N, C-alpha and C. Protein backbone atom coordinates (compact mmCIF):
# COMPACT_ATOMS: atom_id res chain seq x y z
N MET A 1 7.19 15.31 10.32
CA MET A 1 7.97 15.86 8.79
C MET A 1 8.47 14.62 8.24
N LYS A 2 8.30 14.49 7.14
CA LYS A 2 8.64 13.28 6.21
C LYS A 2 10.30 13.64 5.82
N THR A 3 11.08 12.54 6.21
CA THR A 3 12.62 12.44 6.41
C THR A 3 12.79 12.94 4.86
N ALA A 4 12.28 12.76 3.81
CA ALA A 4 12.71 12.82 2.37
C ALA A 4 12.61 14.46 2.03
N LEU A 5 12.01 15.21 2.89
CA LEU A 5 11.51 16.64 2.61
C LEU A 5 12.78 17.50 3.29
N TYR A 6 13.77 16.80 3.77
CA TYR A 6 15.02 17.37 4.51
C TYR A 6 16.04 17.52 3.05
N LEU A 7 15.85 16.85 1.91
CA LEU A 7 16.85 17.00 0.62
C LEU A 7 16.51 18.01 0.17
N ILE A 8 15.25 18.68 0.14
CA ILE A 8 14.68 19.40 -0.95
C ILE A 8 15.46 20.77 -1.07
N PRO A 9 15.97 21.21 -0.04
CA PRO A 9 16.79 22.65 -0.09
C PRO A 9 18.12 22.41 -0.60
N ALA A 10 18.84 21.22 -0.20
CA ALA A 10 19.94 21.10 -1.12
C ALA A 10 19.81 20.69 -2.48
N LEU A 11 18.65 20.13 -2.88
CA LEU A 11 18.26 19.90 -4.40
C LEU A 11 17.95 21.24 -5.01
N VAL A 12 17.54 22.04 -4.32
CA VAL A 12 17.08 23.25 -5.13
C VAL A 12 18.32 24.03 -5.19
N VAL A 13 19.21 23.96 -4.24
CA VAL A 13 20.64 24.68 -4.46
C VAL A 13 21.24 24.07 -5.80
N ALA A 14 21.42 23.02 -5.67
CA ALA A 14 22.20 22.05 -6.76
C ALA A 14 21.51 22.49 -8.09
N VAL A 15 20.05 22.25 -8.20
CA VAL A 15 19.44 22.76 -9.52
C VAL A 15 19.91 24.06 -9.99
N PHE A 16 19.99 25.13 -8.96
CA PHE A 16 20.20 26.41 -9.16
C PHE A 16 21.56 26.55 -9.90
N PHE A 17 22.60 25.89 -9.06
CA PHE A 17 23.88 26.02 -9.61
C PHE A 17 24.14 25.25 -11.22
N LEU A 18 23.26 24.19 -11.15
CA LEU A 18 23.37 23.46 -12.56
C LEU A 18 23.02 24.36 -13.69
N ILE A 19 21.83 24.98 -13.53
CA ILE A 19 21.13 25.98 -14.38
C ILE A 19 22.21 27.05 -14.64
N ARG A 20 22.72 27.59 -13.65
CA ARG A 20 23.70 28.67 -13.66
C ARG A 20 25.01 28.21 -14.65
N ALA A 21 25.65 26.96 -14.33
CA ALA A 21 26.42 26.29 -14.89
C ALA A 21 26.14 26.27 -16.44
N GLU A 22 24.79 25.82 -16.98
CA GLU A 22 24.35 25.73 -18.29
C GLU A 22 24.20 27.21 -19.01
N PHE A 23 23.82 27.89 -18.31
CA PHE A 23 23.77 29.31 -18.97
C PHE A 23 25.37 29.88 -19.29
N PHE A 24 26.15 29.55 -18.39
CA PHE A 24 27.56 30.14 -18.71
C PHE A 24 28.72 29.17 -19.42
N LYS A 25 28.01 27.99 -19.61
CA LYS A 25 28.86 26.72 -20.41
C LYS A 25 29.67 26.42 -19.75
N ARG A 26 29.80 26.20 -18.46
CA ARG A 26 30.90 25.42 -17.54
C ARG A 26 30.83 24.22 -17.40
N GLN A 27 31.33 23.50 -18.40
CA GLN A 27 30.80 21.84 -18.62
C GLN A 27 31.71 21.18 -17.18
N TRP A 28 32.62 21.47 -16.74
CA TRP A 28 33.22 20.81 -15.77
C TRP A 28 32.22 20.69 -14.44
N GLN A 29 31.29 21.98 -14.29
CA GLN A 29 30.33 22.17 -13.14
C GLN A 29 29.14 21.37 -13.60
N ILE A 30 28.88 21.23 -14.89
CA ILE A 30 27.62 20.51 -15.35
C ILE A 30 27.87 18.86 -14.86
N TYR A 31 29.24 18.43 -15.24
CA TYR A 31 29.57 17.13 -15.20
C TYR A 31 29.60 16.58 -13.59
N LEU A 32 29.89 17.50 -12.72
CA LEU A 32 29.77 17.50 -11.17
C LEU A 32 28.51 17.38 -10.75
N ILE A 33 27.72 18.54 -11.09
CA ILE A 33 26.53 18.84 -10.43
C ILE A 33 25.36 18.03 -10.81
N LYS A 34 25.17 17.79 -12.11
CA LYS A 34 24.08 16.80 -12.74
C LYS A 34 23.61 15.70 -12.06
N PRO A 35 24.83 14.69 -12.10
CA PRO A 35 24.73 13.12 -11.42
C PRO A 35 24.18 13.45 -10.13
N ILE A 36 24.97 14.52 -9.27
CA ILE A 36 24.57 14.52 -7.83
C ILE A 36 23.08 15.02 -7.77
N ALA A 37 22.64 16.09 -8.54
CA ALA A 37 21.13 16.33 -8.35
C ALA A 37 20.33 15.04 -8.63
N THR A 38 20.52 14.48 -9.69
CA THR A 38 19.76 12.99 -9.93
C THR A 38 19.80 12.28 -8.78
N LEU A 39 20.81 11.77 -8.32
CA LEU A 39 21.12 11.09 -7.12
C LEU A 39 20.25 11.35 -5.99
N MET A 40 20.34 12.88 -5.81
CA MET A 40 19.55 13.45 -4.56
C MET A 40 17.91 12.88 -4.78
N VAL A 41 17.30 13.15 -5.97
CA VAL A 41 16.06 12.81 -6.44
C VAL A 41 15.96 11.13 -6.08
N ILE A 42 17.03 10.56 -6.27
CA ILE A 42 16.59 9.00 -6.04
C ILE A 42 16.84 8.65 -4.53
N ALA A 43 17.51 9.39 -4.01
CA ALA A 43 17.70 9.39 -2.35
C ALA A 43 16.19 9.73 -1.81
N VAL A 44 15.65 10.84 -2.40
CA VAL A 44 14.26 11.03 -1.91
C VAL A 44 13.10 9.82 -1.93
N ALA A 45 13.31 9.17 -3.18
CA ALA A 45 12.62 7.93 -3.13
C ALA A 45 12.91 6.88 -2.33
N LEU A 46 14.30 6.73 -2.02
CA LEU A 46 15.05 5.57 -1.04
C LEU A 46 14.24 5.99 0.04
N LEU A 47 14.30 7.11 0.69
CA LEU A 47 13.69 7.67 1.90
C LEU A 47 12.56 7.27 2.34
N SER A 48 11.70 7.02 1.38
CA SER A 48 10.25 6.44 1.57
C SER A 48 10.22 5.33 2.31
N LEU A 49 11.19 4.44 2.09
CA LEU A 49 11.38 3.16 2.94
C LEU A 49 11.59 3.23 4.27
N LEU A 50 11.81 4.34 4.91
CA LEU A 50 11.76 4.72 6.33
C LEU A 50 10.49 4.93 6.60
N GLU A 51 9.63 5.24 6.21
CA GLU A 51 8.20 5.78 6.56
C GLU A 51 7.48 4.40 7.06
N PRO A 52 6.64 4.72 8.24
CA PRO A 52 5.98 3.48 8.46
C PRO A 52 4.88 2.68 7.63
N THR A 53 4.27 3.74 6.66
CA THR A 53 3.41 3.18 5.54
C THR A 53 4.20 3.33 4.21
N ARG A 54 3.88 2.37 3.42
CA ARG A 54 4.71 2.53 2.04
C ARG A 54 4.10 1.62 1.16
N ASN A 55 4.10 1.70 -0.19
CA ASN A 55 3.83 0.87 -1.25
C ASN A 55 5.10 0.66 -1.96
N MET A 56 5.55 -0.61 -1.66
CA MET A 56 6.74 -1.30 -2.46
C MET A 56 6.70 -1.19 -3.97
N THR A 57 5.61 -1.46 -4.23
CA THR A 57 5.27 -1.55 -5.97
C THR A 57 5.69 -0.16 -6.44
N TYR A 58 4.88 0.83 -5.71
CA TYR A 58 5.18 2.38 -6.21
C TYR A 58 6.79 2.96 -6.12
N THR A 59 7.49 2.31 -5.05
CA THR A 59 8.69 2.97 -4.66
C THR A 59 9.56 2.18 -5.76
N ILE A 60 9.47 0.98 -6.02
CA ILE A 60 10.50 -0.03 -6.72
C ILE A 60 10.39 0.59 -8.34
N GLY A 61 8.98 0.89 -8.68
CA GLY A 61 8.81 1.19 -9.99
C GLY A 61 9.34 2.60 -9.98
N VAL A 62 9.15 3.69 -9.15
CA VAL A 62 9.62 4.92 -9.10
C VAL A 62 11.32 4.97 -9.41
N LEU A 63 11.85 4.18 -8.31
CA LEU A 63 13.36 4.06 -8.39
C LEU A 63 13.81 3.45 -9.70
N LEU A 64 13.18 2.43 -10.35
CA LEU A 64 13.80 2.05 -11.43
C LEU A 64 13.63 3.12 -12.77
N GLY A 65 12.52 3.97 -12.90
CA GLY A 65 12.15 4.89 -13.53
C GLY A 65 13.34 6.10 -13.28
N LEU A 66 13.89 6.21 -11.94
CA LEU A 66 14.92 7.15 -11.68
C LEU A 66 16.10 6.89 -12.42
N PHE A 67 16.63 5.43 -12.08
CA PHE A 67 17.77 5.03 -12.51
C PHE A 67 17.84 5.02 -13.91
N PHE A 68 16.57 4.83 -14.74
CA PHE A 68 17.06 5.01 -16.16
C PHE A 68 17.06 6.45 -16.51
N SER A 69 16.48 7.46 -15.93
CA SER A 69 16.71 8.83 -16.02
C SER A 69 17.78 9.41 -15.68
N TRP A 70 18.71 8.68 -14.91
CA TRP A 70 20.09 9.22 -14.23
C TRP A 70 21.06 8.81 -15.64
N GLY A 71 20.55 7.49 -16.10
CA GLY A 71 21.32 7.21 -17.39
C GLY A 71 21.13 8.14 -18.43
N GLY A 72 20.01 8.67 -18.50
CA GLY A 72 19.68 9.57 -19.74
C GLY A 72 20.37 10.88 -19.25
N ASP A 73 20.34 11.37 -18.23
CA ASP A 73 20.86 12.74 -17.91
C ASP A 73 22.45 12.57 -17.99
N MET A 74 23.14 11.44 -17.96
CA MET A 74 24.30 11.19 -18.17
C MET A 74 24.66 11.55 -19.77
N ALA A 75 23.74 10.56 -20.49
CA ALA A 75 24.05 10.80 -22.03
C ALA A 75 24.00 12.05 -22.53
N LEU A 76 22.73 12.82 -22.03
CA LEU A 76 22.43 14.18 -22.54
C LEU A 76 23.60 15.03 -22.17
N MET A 77 24.48 15.10 -21.37
CA MET A 77 25.43 16.11 -20.97
C MET A 77 26.07 16.10 -22.29
N PHE A 78 26.21 14.97 -22.89
CA PHE A 78 27.01 15.05 -24.40
C PHE A 78 26.12 14.81 -25.54
N GLN A 79 24.87 15.73 -25.40
CA GLN A 79 24.09 15.90 -26.65
C GLN A 79 24.17 16.08 -27.92
N GLU A 80 25.43 16.96 -27.81
CA GLU A 80 25.76 17.39 -29.43
C GLU A 80 26.44 16.10 -30.05
N ASN A 81 26.55 15.40 -29.49
CA ASN A 81 27.05 13.85 -30.20
C ASN A 81 25.68 13.32 -30.37
N ARG A 82 25.39 12.93 -31.63
CA ARG A 82 24.05 12.33 -32.14
C ARG A 82 24.00 10.77 -31.37
N LYS A 83 24.95 10.06 -31.04
CA LYS A 83 24.71 8.68 -30.49
C LYS A 83 24.19 9.16 -29.01
N ALA A 84 25.21 10.03 -28.48
CA ALA A 84 24.57 10.22 -27.09
C ALA A 84 23.33 10.73 -26.78
N PHE A 85 22.97 11.76 -27.72
CA PHE A 85 21.63 12.07 -27.86
C PHE A 85 20.47 10.79 -27.99
N THR A 86 20.68 10.10 -29.05
CA THR A 86 19.84 9.00 -29.07
C THR A 86 19.84 8.09 -27.90
N ALA A 87 21.06 7.72 -27.30
CA ALA A 87 21.12 6.93 -26.00
C ALA A 87 20.28 7.65 -24.88
N GLY A 88 20.53 9.13 -24.83
CA GLY A 88 19.58 9.73 -23.78
C GLY A 88 18.21 9.65 -24.16
N LEU A 89 17.66 9.60 -25.29
CA LEU A 89 16.36 9.58 -25.52
C LEU A 89 16.01 8.23 -25.29
N GLY A 90 16.54 7.11 -25.72
CA GLY A 90 16.47 5.67 -25.45
C GLY A 90 16.12 5.43 -23.66
N LEU A 91 16.93 6.04 -22.93
CA LEU A 91 17.01 5.84 -21.63
C LEU A 91 15.46 6.60 -20.91
N PHE A 92 15.55 7.97 -21.54
CA PHE A 92 14.22 8.54 -20.75
C PHE A 92 12.82 7.95 -21.46
N LEU A 93 13.09 7.23 -22.64
CA LEU A 93 11.77 6.69 -22.92
C LEU A 93 11.47 5.50 -22.14
N ALA A 94 12.70 4.86 -21.77
CA ALA A 94 12.36 3.64 -21.02
C ALA A 94 11.82 4.04 -19.42
N ALA A 95 12.30 5.25 -18.97
CA ALA A 95 11.83 5.97 -17.83
C ALA A 95 10.46 6.13 -17.92
N HIS A 96 9.92 6.76 -18.94
CA HIS A 96 8.71 7.05 -19.24
C HIS A 96 7.62 5.90 -19.18
N ILE A 97 8.34 4.61 -19.81
CA ILE A 97 7.36 3.54 -19.97
C ILE A 97 7.07 2.88 -18.56
N VAL A 98 8.23 2.83 -17.58
CA VAL A 98 8.09 2.32 -16.23
C VAL A 98 7.08 3.42 -15.46
N TYR A 99 7.03 4.73 -15.44
CA TYR A 99 6.28 5.29 -14.71
C TYR A 99 4.84 5.09 -15.48
N ALA A 100 4.60 4.91 -16.73
CA ALA A 100 3.23 4.76 -17.25
C ALA A 100 2.88 3.40 -16.87
N ILE A 101 3.58 2.29 -16.53
CA ILE A 101 3.34 0.97 -16.16
C ILE A 101 2.85 1.14 -14.73
N ILE A 102 3.56 1.70 -14.00
CA ILE A 102 3.28 1.79 -12.42
C ILE A 102 2.11 2.56 -12.27
N PHE A 103 1.86 3.80 -13.07
CA PHE A 103 0.78 4.69 -12.72
C PHE A 103 -0.77 3.81 -13.09
N MET A 104 -0.39 3.08 -14.31
CA MET A 104 -1.52 2.09 -14.81
C MET A 104 -1.84 1.10 -13.84
N PHE A 105 -0.95 0.57 -13.24
CA PHE A 105 -1.04 -0.63 -12.36
C PHE A 105 -1.70 -0.30 -11.04
N LEU A 106 -1.46 1.05 -10.34
CA LEU A 106 -1.86 1.52 -9.39
C LEU A 106 -3.16 2.38 -9.40
N GLY A 107 -3.24 2.92 -10.66
CA GLY A 107 -4.32 4.06 -11.07
C GLY A 107 -5.64 3.28 -11.42
N CYS A 108 -6.67 4.13 -11.36
CA CYS A 108 -7.74 3.61 -12.11
C CYS A 108 -8.27 4.60 -13.20
N PHE A 109 -8.87 3.73 -14.37
CA PHE A 109 -9.64 4.65 -15.32
C PHE A 109 -10.97 5.23 -14.48
N SER A 110 -11.02 6.47 -15.11
CA SER A 110 -12.39 7.19 -14.99
C SER A 110 -12.99 7.66 -15.98
N ALA A 111 -14.40 8.12 -16.04
CA ALA A 111 -15.08 8.95 -17.14
C ALA A 111 -14.50 10.15 -17.76
N TRP A 112 -13.78 10.89 -16.84
CA TRP A 112 -13.30 12.24 -17.31
C TRP A 112 -12.13 12.03 -18.37
N GLU A 113 -11.56 10.85 -18.23
CA GLU A 113 -10.43 10.37 -19.38
C GLU A 113 -10.85 10.48 -20.76
N ILE A 114 -12.24 10.53 -20.79
CA ILE A 114 -12.81 10.76 -22.25
C ILE A 114 -12.43 12.10 -22.89
N ILE A 115 -12.05 13.01 -21.81
CA ILE A 115 -11.74 14.42 -22.38
C ILE A 115 -10.20 14.41 -22.39
N SER A 116 -9.50 13.95 -21.31
CA SER A 116 -8.06 14.20 -21.19
C SER A 116 -7.23 13.34 -21.91
N ILE A 117 -7.67 11.98 -22.61
CA ILE A 117 -6.88 11.18 -23.77
C ILE A 117 -6.95 11.97 -24.90
N PRO A 118 -8.09 12.66 -25.50
CA PRO A 118 -8.13 13.24 -26.96
C PRO A 118 -7.33 14.32 -26.65
N LEU A 119 -7.24 15.21 -25.69
CA LEU A 119 -6.48 16.43 -25.40
C LEU A 119 -5.08 16.13 -25.39
N LEU A 120 -4.61 15.11 -24.83
CA LEU A 120 -3.29 14.72 -25.13
C LEU A 120 -3.05 14.38 -26.35
N LEU A 121 -3.74 13.52 -27.07
CA LEU A 121 -3.50 13.28 -28.46
C LEU A 121 -3.27 14.54 -29.41
N VAL A 122 -4.30 15.37 -29.21
CA VAL A 122 -4.05 16.60 -30.06
C VAL A 122 -2.88 17.37 -29.91
N ALA A 123 -2.52 17.40 -28.58
CA ALA A 123 -1.30 18.20 -27.98
C ALA A 123 -0.13 17.58 -28.86
N GLY A 124 -0.14 16.38 -28.88
CA GLY A 124 1.04 15.23 -29.47
C GLY A 124 1.15 15.61 -30.55
N VAL A 125 0.00 15.47 -31.17
CA VAL A 125 -0.14 15.64 -32.74
C VAL A 125 0.55 16.91 -33.33
N GLY A 126 0.07 18.02 -32.55
CA GLY A 126 0.05 19.39 -33.18
C GLY A 126 1.76 19.52 -32.72
N PHE A 127 2.30 19.09 -31.57
CA PHE A 127 3.75 19.39 -31.41
C PHE A 127 4.38 18.62 -32.40
N TYR A 128 4.07 17.54 -32.77
CA TYR A 128 4.72 16.54 -33.74
C TYR A 128 4.95 17.46 -35.23
N ARG A 129 3.89 17.96 -35.67
CA ARG A 129 3.74 18.82 -37.04
C ARG A 129 4.60 20.07 -36.61
N LEU A 130 4.78 20.36 -35.48
CA LEU A 130 5.84 21.65 -35.25
C LEU A 130 7.00 21.19 -35.69
N LEU A 131 7.51 19.94 -35.05
CA LEU A 131 8.72 19.59 -35.04
C LEU A 131 9.33 18.70 -36.70
N GLN A 132 8.30 18.46 -37.19
CA GLN A 132 8.44 17.26 -38.32
C GLN A 132 9.45 18.04 -39.54
N PRO A 133 9.47 19.27 -39.67
CA PRO A 133 10.28 19.66 -40.95
C PRO A 133 11.76 19.48 -40.54
N ASN A 134 12.13 19.50 -39.22
CA ASN A 134 13.71 19.24 -39.12
C ASN A 134 13.93 17.96 -38.59
N LEU A 135 13.26 16.84 -38.64
CA LEU A 135 13.37 15.84 -37.63
C LEU A 135 14.29 14.78 -38.63
N GLY A 136 14.44 14.66 -39.73
CA GLY A 136 14.95 13.85 -40.52
C GLY A 136 14.74 12.56 -40.10
N ARG A 137 16.24 11.70 -39.75
CA ARG A 137 16.19 10.32 -39.24
C ARG A 137 15.58 10.02 -37.86
N MET A 138 15.28 11.27 -36.98
CA MET A 138 14.78 11.01 -35.89
C MET A 138 13.23 11.16 -35.84
N LYS A 139 12.54 10.78 -36.98
CA LYS A 139 11.12 10.96 -37.10
C LYS A 139 10.56 9.91 -36.27
N TRP A 140 10.72 8.68 -36.36
CA TRP A 140 10.11 7.74 -35.53
C TRP A 140 10.54 7.70 -34.12
N PRO A 141 11.73 7.88 -33.98
CA PRO A 141 12.18 7.95 -32.54
C PRO A 141 11.07 9.04 -31.76
N VAL A 142 11.19 10.16 -32.11
CA VAL A 142 10.40 11.40 -31.82
C VAL A 142 8.80 10.98 -31.62
N ILE A 143 8.29 10.25 -32.73
CA ILE A 143 6.80 9.94 -32.66
C ILE A 143 6.90 8.98 -31.35
N GLY A 144 7.59 7.77 -31.26
CA GLY A 144 7.47 6.94 -30.24
C GLY A 144 7.58 7.69 -29.00
N TYR A 145 8.59 8.58 -28.77
CA TYR A 145 8.78 9.24 -27.51
C TYR A 145 7.53 10.08 -27.09
N ILE A 146 6.92 10.91 -28.15
CA ILE A 146 5.84 11.69 -27.82
C ILE A 146 4.67 10.85 -27.55
N SER A 147 4.34 9.50 -28.03
CA SER A 147 3.37 8.72 -27.80
C SER A 147 3.62 8.14 -26.10
N ILE A 148 4.78 8.01 -25.94
CA ILE A 148 5.02 7.32 -24.62
C ILE A 148 4.95 8.37 -23.52
N ILE A 149 5.39 9.28 -23.82
CA ILE A 149 5.38 10.46 -22.67
C ILE A 149 3.70 10.76 -22.65
N SER A 150 2.79 11.04 -23.85
CA SER A 150 1.70 11.20 -23.47
C SER A 150 0.96 10.40 -22.60
N VAL A 151 0.94 8.70 -23.17
CA VAL A 151 0.62 7.96 -22.36
C VAL A 151 1.01 7.96 -20.90
N MET A 152 2.27 8.29 -20.35
CA MET A 152 2.67 8.44 -19.03
C MET A 152 1.75 9.44 -18.47
N VAL A 153 1.52 10.63 -19.05
CA VAL A 153 0.78 11.58 -18.21
C VAL A 153 -0.47 11.25 -18.11
N SER A 154 -1.11 10.45 -19.16
CA SER A 154 -2.63 10.17 -18.93
C SER A 154 -2.59 8.87 -17.60
N ARG A 155 -1.70 8.08 -17.96
CA ARG A 155 -1.81 7.41 -16.79
C ARG A 155 -1.44 8.22 -15.09
N ALA A 156 -0.75 8.87 -15.27
CA ALA A 156 -0.55 9.78 -14.00
C ALA A 156 -1.87 10.21 -13.60
N LEU A 157 -2.58 11.00 -14.43
CA LEU A 157 -4.03 11.22 -14.36
C LEU A 157 -4.87 10.33 -13.62
N SER A 158 -4.59 8.91 -14.02
CA SER A 158 -5.69 8.00 -13.46
C SER A 158 -5.43 7.70 -11.93
N THR A 159 -4.09 8.12 -11.62
CA THR A 159 -4.02 8.15 -9.95
C THR A 159 -5.12 9.11 -9.18
N LEU A 160 -5.59 9.95 -9.91
CA LEU A 160 -6.64 10.92 -9.09
C LEU A 160 -7.80 10.00 -8.84
N ALA A 161 -8.18 9.14 -9.61
CA ALA A 161 -9.29 8.16 -9.11
C ALA A 161 -8.96 6.86 -8.33
N SER A 162 -7.72 6.74 -7.90
CA SER A 162 -7.37 5.53 -7.59
C SER A 162 -7.66 5.53 -5.89
N PRO A 163 -7.95 4.57 -5.05
CA PRO A 163 -7.86 4.62 -3.86
C PRO A 163 -6.66 4.05 -3.27
N VAL A 164 -5.57 3.55 -4.27
CA VAL A 164 -4.26 3.54 -3.42
C VAL A 164 -3.78 4.71 -3.19
N PHE A 165 -3.92 6.02 -3.83
CA PHE A 165 -3.42 6.83 -3.41
C PHE A 165 -4.30 8.01 -2.73
N ASN A 166 -3.94 8.92 -1.67
CA ASN A 166 -4.65 9.99 -1.11
C ASN A 166 -4.39 11.42 -2.23
N PRO A 167 -5.80 12.01 -1.99
CA PRO A 167 -5.62 13.21 -2.94
C PRO A 167 -4.61 14.07 -3.19
N GLY A 168 -3.68 14.38 -2.00
CA GLY A 168 -2.54 15.05 -2.14
C GLY A 168 -1.46 14.55 -2.79
N GLN A 169 -1.32 13.21 -2.76
CA GLN A 169 -0.31 12.37 -3.27
C GLN A 169 -0.53 12.14 -4.65
N ALA A 170 -1.66 11.98 -5.07
CA ALA A 170 -2.07 11.99 -6.57
C ALA A 170 -1.93 13.11 -7.18
N LEU A 171 -2.03 14.34 -6.43
CA LEU A 171 -2.08 15.44 -7.17
C LEU A 171 -0.41 15.90 -7.38
N MET A 172 0.49 15.26 -6.58
CA MET A 172 1.90 15.49 -6.50
C MET A 172 2.33 14.60 -7.88
N ILE A 173 1.62 13.58 -8.07
CA ILE A 173 1.96 12.57 -9.23
C ILE A 173 1.62 13.23 -10.64
N VAL A 174 0.55 13.95 -10.55
CA VAL A 174 -0.03 14.53 -11.86
C VAL A 174 0.94 15.70 -12.23
N VAL A 175 0.87 16.63 -11.06
CA VAL A 175 1.85 17.84 -11.40
C VAL A 175 3.33 17.31 -11.87
N GLY A 176 3.76 16.22 -11.15
CA GLY A 176 5.18 15.74 -11.68
C GLY A 176 5.22 15.35 -13.06
N ALA A 177 4.22 14.64 -13.51
CA ALA A 177 3.96 14.09 -14.59
C ALA A 177 4.08 15.18 -15.76
N PHE A 178 3.38 16.09 -15.58
CA PHE A 178 3.11 17.38 -16.45
C PHE A 178 4.39 18.10 -16.45
N LEU A 179 4.91 18.56 -15.56
CA LEU A 179 6.22 19.15 -15.28
C LEU A 179 7.40 18.42 -16.08
N PHE A 180 7.35 17.16 -15.93
CA PHE A 180 8.35 16.25 -16.59
C PHE A 180 7.95 16.43 -18.24
N TYR A 181 6.73 16.24 -18.51
CA TYR A 181 6.36 16.57 -19.95
C TYR A 181 6.90 18.03 -20.46
N PHE A 182 6.50 18.78 -19.84
CA PHE A 182 6.79 20.11 -20.38
C PHE A 182 8.25 20.54 -20.32
N SER A 183 9.15 19.89 -19.70
CA SER A 183 10.65 19.94 -19.78
C SER A 183 11.23 19.12 -21.02
N ASP A 184 10.34 18.13 -21.49
CA ASP A 184 10.82 17.38 -22.52
C ASP A 184 10.34 18.28 -23.82
N VAL A 185 9.30 19.06 -23.60
CA VAL A 185 8.85 19.79 -24.93
C VAL A 185 9.58 21.11 -25.11
N ILE A 186 10.19 21.45 -23.99
CA ILE A 186 11.11 22.57 -24.04
C ILE A 186 12.25 22.13 -24.89
N LEU A 187 12.98 20.98 -24.53
CA LEU A 187 14.15 20.53 -25.11
C LEU A 187 13.81 20.29 -26.53
N ALA A 188 12.69 19.53 -26.75
CA ALA A 188 12.56 19.15 -28.19
C ALA A 188 12.25 20.48 -29.09
N ALA A 189 11.65 21.34 -28.75
CA ALA A 189 11.54 22.34 -29.32
C ALA A 189 12.66 23.12 -29.51
N ASN A 190 13.71 23.21 -28.71
CA ASN A 190 14.68 23.77 -28.94
C ASN A 190 15.48 23.24 -29.73
N ARG A 191 15.62 21.96 -30.08
CA ARG A 191 16.52 21.16 -30.84
C ARG A 191 16.05 20.85 -32.28
N PHE A 192 14.62 20.90 -32.21
CA PHE A 192 13.97 20.28 -33.40
C PHE A 192 13.16 21.52 -34.29
N TRP A 193 12.89 22.66 -33.49
CA TRP A 193 12.06 23.89 -34.13
C TRP A 193 13.01 25.17 -34.19
N ARG A 194 13.17 25.68 -32.88
CA ARG A 194 13.89 26.75 -32.93
C ARG A 194 14.67 26.93 -31.50
N PRO A 195 15.94 27.14 -31.69
CA PRO A 195 16.69 27.17 -30.64
C PRO A 195 16.46 28.51 -29.97
N TRP A 196 16.41 28.02 -28.34
CA TRP A 196 15.96 29.25 -27.55
C TRP A 196 17.13 29.35 -26.35
N LYS A 197 17.67 30.70 -26.07
CA LYS A 197 18.89 30.82 -25.63
C LYS A 197 18.53 30.27 -24.01
N TYR A 198 17.36 30.37 -23.63
CA TYR A 198 17.26 30.03 -22.03
C TYR A 198 16.40 28.63 -21.99
N HIS A 199 16.78 27.67 -22.91
CA HIS A 199 16.00 26.37 -22.73
C HIS A 199 16.41 25.70 -21.64
N ARG A 200 17.59 25.86 -21.09
CA ARG A 200 17.83 25.06 -20.10
C ARG A 200 16.94 25.40 -18.69
N ILE A 201 16.45 26.14 -18.71
CA ILE A 201 15.59 26.45 -17.50
C ILE A 201 14.39 25.23 -17.33
N SER A 202 14.50 24.58 -18.47
CA SER A 202 13.69 23.25 -18.42
C SER A 202 14.10 22.42 -17.33
N LEU A 203 15.41 22.57 -16.92
CA LEU A 203 16.06 21.72 -15.91
C LEU A 203 15.23 22.13 -14.39
N ALA A 204 14.49 23.11 -14.22
CA ALA A 204 13.75 23.32 -13.25
C ALA A 204 12.47 22.64 -13.34
N PHE A 205 12.04 22.53 -14.31
CA PHE A 205 10.62 21.79 -14.50
C PHE A 205 11.17 20.20 -14.11
N TYR A 206 11.99 19.85 -14.91
CA TYR A 206 12.56 18.59 -14.89
C TYR A 206 12.73 17.84 -13.45
N TYR A 207 13.60 18.70 -12.67
CA TYR A 207 13.92 18.14 -11.55
C TYR A 207 12.67 18.37 -10.61
N SER A 208 11.96 19.38 -10.49
CA SER A 208 10.68 19.57 -9.84
C SER A 208 9.73 18.43 -10.25
N GLY A 209 9.57 18.18 -11.58
CA GLY A 209 8.64 16.86 -11.63
C GLY A 209 9.18 15.76 -11.26
N GLN A 210 10.44 15.25 -11.35
CA GLN A 210 11.01 14.01 -10.87
C GLN A 210 10.86 14.21 -9.19
N LEU A 211 11.18 15.36 -8.56
CA LEU A 211 10.97 15.39 -7.12
C LEU A 211 9.60 14.92 -6.55
N LEU A 212 8.29 15.53 -7.28
CA LEU A 212 7.29 15.46 -6.83
C LEU A 212 6.68 14.04 -7.11
N ILE A 213 7.24 13.04 -8.04
CA ILE A 213 6.99 11.63 -8.28
C ILE A 213 7.75 11.07 -7.39
N ALA A 214 8.80 11.21 -6.78
CA ALA A 214 9.78 10.69 -6.02
C ALA A 214 8.97 10.72 -4.50
N LEU A 215 8.94 11.87 -4.21
CA LEU A 215 8.12 12.31 -3.07
C LEU A 215 6.94 11.79 -2.45
N ALA A 216 5.96 11.58 -3.68
CA ALA A 216 4.72 10.81 -3.36
C ALA A 216 4.98 9.39 -2.71
N ALA A 217 5.92 8.85 -2.81
CA ALA A 217 6.13 7.58 -2.32
C ALA A 217 6.17 7.64 -0.71
N SER A 218 6.53 8.87 -0.13
CA SER A 218 6.71 8.68 1.21
C SER A 218 5.24 9.26 1.61
N TYR A 219 4.11 9.47 1.17
CA TYR A 219 2.77 9.88 1.45
C TYR A 219 1.78 8.81 1.55
N PHE A 220 2.06 7.71 1.56
CA PHE A 220 1.21 6.47 1.60
C PHE A 220 0.50 6.54 2.96
N VAL A 221 -0.82 6.22 3.15
CA VAL A 221 -1.51 5.99 4.52
C VAL A 221 -2.06 4.72 4.82
């Protein structure tokens, strides 16, 4: 059994209590649990270094993305503040760029991307048009963010055709990337389209996505 798997039950408990704290607006619990939960995901990636087979390029890239994500998590705990929200957006943008680069470097282009890339483009444009009336000065940052996260998902899909990854491992990366994408869609829709009482359920998608991307580092053969 992979060493990193032992952290999953603790992470599940932490995320459950984090979402609960968000619903009941218990700020001190959020400030305590959220940094710990993200550090657990970082630990999952670090534990891949104990495996007899590893890919240092992938592990280092994922760790860098996770550290940017940790900074973004800290900033978004204060997202009611415009500067904190913008900082969080920038840090998560950096995380997505790092993931996109590492997936592109280790992935392979395949013919079926002729379908996947246009679909992601259509989804991105459609989502932007939904948010556009309420963006104001956030127009260009949001356009940039949607573009980069779409590229990240596209490059995650390229791992399915890569000889570097085994099929199960590539599937972890793809599902993880889509969950990360979906969590950001929920947050953006809540902020710039229609407020949703239960939007913090996005944390379940976010941590699941990050976990799968980190866990894939332990499955090189």
